[in-house]
Amino acid sequence: MRQPVVRCVEFVESVTDWMEGALTDDERVALEEHLTICPHCTEYLAQLRLSSAVLRAADRTTREAPPPEARQALLEAFRRRR
């Protein structure tokens, strides 16, 4: 059975659900078929995966709270910006 054509905007709207395995089989296949013909969405997916990996790595290395003086300086800077 031929899947409905997925446009780029639909890919972008659904890619997170696809990555989390939250799509139906038909939706998943349609998105994967779109990836085989669309270099733009393929690049978007690569960037999304890279961003996710960088954020996961940063999260593992920055578990400590900033020093009190840095925290205070940031809070003061935010208050001045209001």
C-alpha atoms as a PDB file:
ATOM      1  CA  MET A   1       0.000   0.000   0.000  1.00  0.00           C
ATOM      2  CA  ARG A   2       1.371   3.420  -0.955  1.00  0.00           C
ATOM      3  CA  GLN A   3       1.784   5.844   1.943  1.00  0.00           C
ATOM      4  CA  PRO A   4       0.454   9.407   1.744  1.00  0.00           C
ATOM      5  CA  VAL A   5       3.041  11.940   0.636  1.00  0.00           C
ATOM      6  CA  VAL A   6       4.644  13.819   3.508  1.00  0.00           C
ATOM      7  CA  ARG A   7       5.603  17.446   2.981  1.00  0.00           C
ATOM      8  CA  CYS A   8       8.606  18.991   4.728  1.00  0.00           C
ATOM      9  CA  VAL A   9       6.435  20.955   7.144  1.00  0.00           C
ATOM     10  CA  GLU A  10       4.689  17.742   8.176  1.00  0.00           C
ATOM     11  CA  PHE A  11       8.052  16.045   8.648  1.00  0.00           C
ATOM     12  CA  VAL A  12       9.252  18.846  10.943  1.00  0.00           C
ATOM     13  CA  GLU A  13       6.017  18.701  12.944  1.00  0.00           C
ATOM     14  CA  SER A  14       6.277  14.923  13.408  1.00  0.00           C
ATOM     15  CA  VAL A  15       9.993  14.211  13.642  1.00  0.00           C
ATOM     16  CA  THR A  16      10.133  14.289  17.445  1.00  0.00           C
ATOM     17  CA  ASP A  17       7.294  11.768  17.704  1.00  0.00           C
ATOM     18  CA  TRP A  18       9.086   9.648  15.087  1.00  0.00           C
ATOM     19  CA  MET A  19      12.336   9.737  17.075  1.00  0.00           C
ATOM     20  CA  GLU A  20      10.448   8.703  20.220  1.00  0.00           C
ATOM     21  CA  GLY A  21       8.650   5.841  18.461  1.00  0.00           C
ATOM     22  CA  ALA A  22       5.258   7.453  19.023  1.00  0.00           C
ATOM     23  CA  LEU A  23       3.918   7.226  15.451  1.00  0.00           C
ATOM     24  CA  THR A  24       1.715   4.587  13.916  1.00  0.00           C
ATOM     25  CA  ASP A  25       3.405   2.215  11.490  1.00  0.00           C
ATOM     26  CA  ASP A  26       1.847   4.044   8.528  1.00  0.00           C
ATOM     27  CA  GLU A  27       3.012   7.451   9.794  1.00  0.00           C
ATOM     28  CA  ARG A  28       6.506   6.105  10.462  1.00  0.00           C
ATOM     29  CA  VAL A  29       6.818   4.605   6.995  1.00  0.00           C
ATOM     30  CA  ALA A  30       5.579   7.810   5.361  1.00  0.00           C
ATOM     31  CA  LEU A  31       8.174   9.904   7.202  1.00  0.00           C
ATOM     32  CA  GLU A  32      10.945   7.442   6.401  1.00  0.00           C
ATOM     33  CA  GLU A  33       9.951   7.462   2.714  1.00  0.00           C
ATOM     34  CA  HIS A  34      10.130  11.263   2.777  1.00  0.00           C
ATOM     35  CA  LEU A  35      13.664  11.068   4.175  1.00  0.00           C
ATOM     36  CA  THR A  36      14.765   8.959   1.214  1.00  0.00           C
ATOM     37  CA  ILE A  37      13.883  11.739  -1.240  1.00  0.00           C
ATOM     38  CA  CYS A  38      14.404  14.968   0.714  1.00  0.00           C
ATOM     39  CA  PRO A  39      17.961  16.135   1.392  1.00  0.00           C
ATOM     40  CA  HIS A  40      16.663  19.133   3.355  1.00  0.00           C
ATOM     41  CA  CYS A  41      14.798  17.033   5.899  1.00  0.00           C
ATOM     42  CA  THR A  42      17.692  14.572   6.033  1.00  0.00           C
ATOM     43  CA  GLU A  43      19.978  17.478   6.975  1.00  0.00           C
ATOM     44  CA  TYR A  44      17.402  18.793   9.467  1.00  0.00           C
ATOM     45  CA  LEU A  45      17.277  15.371  11.124  1.00  0.00           C
ATOM     46  CA  ALA A  46      21.082  15.208  11.289  1.00  0.00           C
ATOM     47  CA  GLN A  47      21.186  18.646  12.937  1.00  0.00           C
ATOM     48  CA  LEU A  48      18.463  17.654  15.386  1.00  0.00           C
ATOM     49  CA  ARG A  49      20.320  14.492  16.352  1.00  0.00           C
ATOM     50  CA  LEU A  50      23.589  16.410  16.776  1.00  0.00           C
ATOM     51  CA  SER A  51      21.875  19.053  18.927  1.00  0.00           C
ATOM     52  CA  SER A  52      20.326  16.336  21.094  1.00  0.00           C
ATOM     53  CA  ALA A  53      23.692  14.618  21.532  1.00  0.00           C
ATOM     54  CA  VAL A  54      25.413  17.882  22.483  1.00  0.00           C
ATOM     55  CA  LEU A  55      22.710  18.705  25.016  1.00  0.00           C
ATOM     56  CA  ARG A  56      22.891  15.219  26.540  1.00  0.00           C
ATOM     57  CA  ALA A  57      26.683  15.492  26.826  1.00  0.00           C
ATOM     58  CA  ALA A  58      26.451  18.960  28.374  1.00  0.00           C
ATOM     59  CA  ASP A  59      23.832  17.759  30.837  1.00  0.00           C
ATOM     60  CA  ARG A  60      26.163  14.991  32.029  1.00  0.00           C
ATOM     61  CA  THR A  61      29.012  17.436  32.619  1.00  0.00           C
ATOM     62  CA  THR A  62      27.139  20.343  34.223  1.00  0.00           C
ATOM     63  CA  ARG A  63      25.309  18.784  37.114  1.00  0.00           C
ATOM     64  CA  GLU A  64      26.869  21.169  39.645  1.00  0.00           C
ATOM     65  CA  ALA A  65      25.275  24.495  40.475  1.00  0.00           C
ATOM     66  CA  PRO A  66      27.274  27.582  39.573  1.00  0.00           C
ATOM     67  CA  PRO A  67      29.299  29.173  42.361  1.00  0.00           C
ATOM     68  CA  PRO A  68      27.242  31.578  44.527  1.00  0.00           C
ATOM     69  CA  GLU A  69      29.015  34.664  43.151  1.00  0.00           C
ATOM     70  CA  ALA A  70      28.313  33.622  39.540  1.00  0.00           C
ATOM     71  CA  ARG A  71      24.684  32.911  40.382  1.00  0.00           C
ATOM     72  CA  GLN A  72      24.327  36.309  42.041  1.00  0.00           C
ATOM     73  CA  ALA A  73      25.951  38.092  39.087  1.00  0.00           C
ATOM     74  CA  LEU A  74      23.564  36.372  36.670  1.00  0.00           C
ATOM     75  CA  LEU A  75      20.523  37.247  38.758  1.00  0.00           C
ATOM     76  CA  GLU A  76      21.599  40.892  38.914  1.00  0.00           C
ATOM     77  CA  ALA A  77      22.184  40.980  35.150  1.00  0.00           C
ATOM     78  CA  PHE A  78      18.713  39.540  34.496  1.00  0.00           C
ATOM     79  CA  ARG A  79      17.113  42.059  36.848  1.00  0.00           C
ATOM     80  CA  ARG A  80      18.853  44.951  35.068  1.00  0.00           C
ATOM     81  CA  ARG A  81      17.538  43.708  31.704  1.00  0.00           C
ATOM     82  CA  ARG A  82      13.907  43.956  32.826  1.00  0.00           C
END
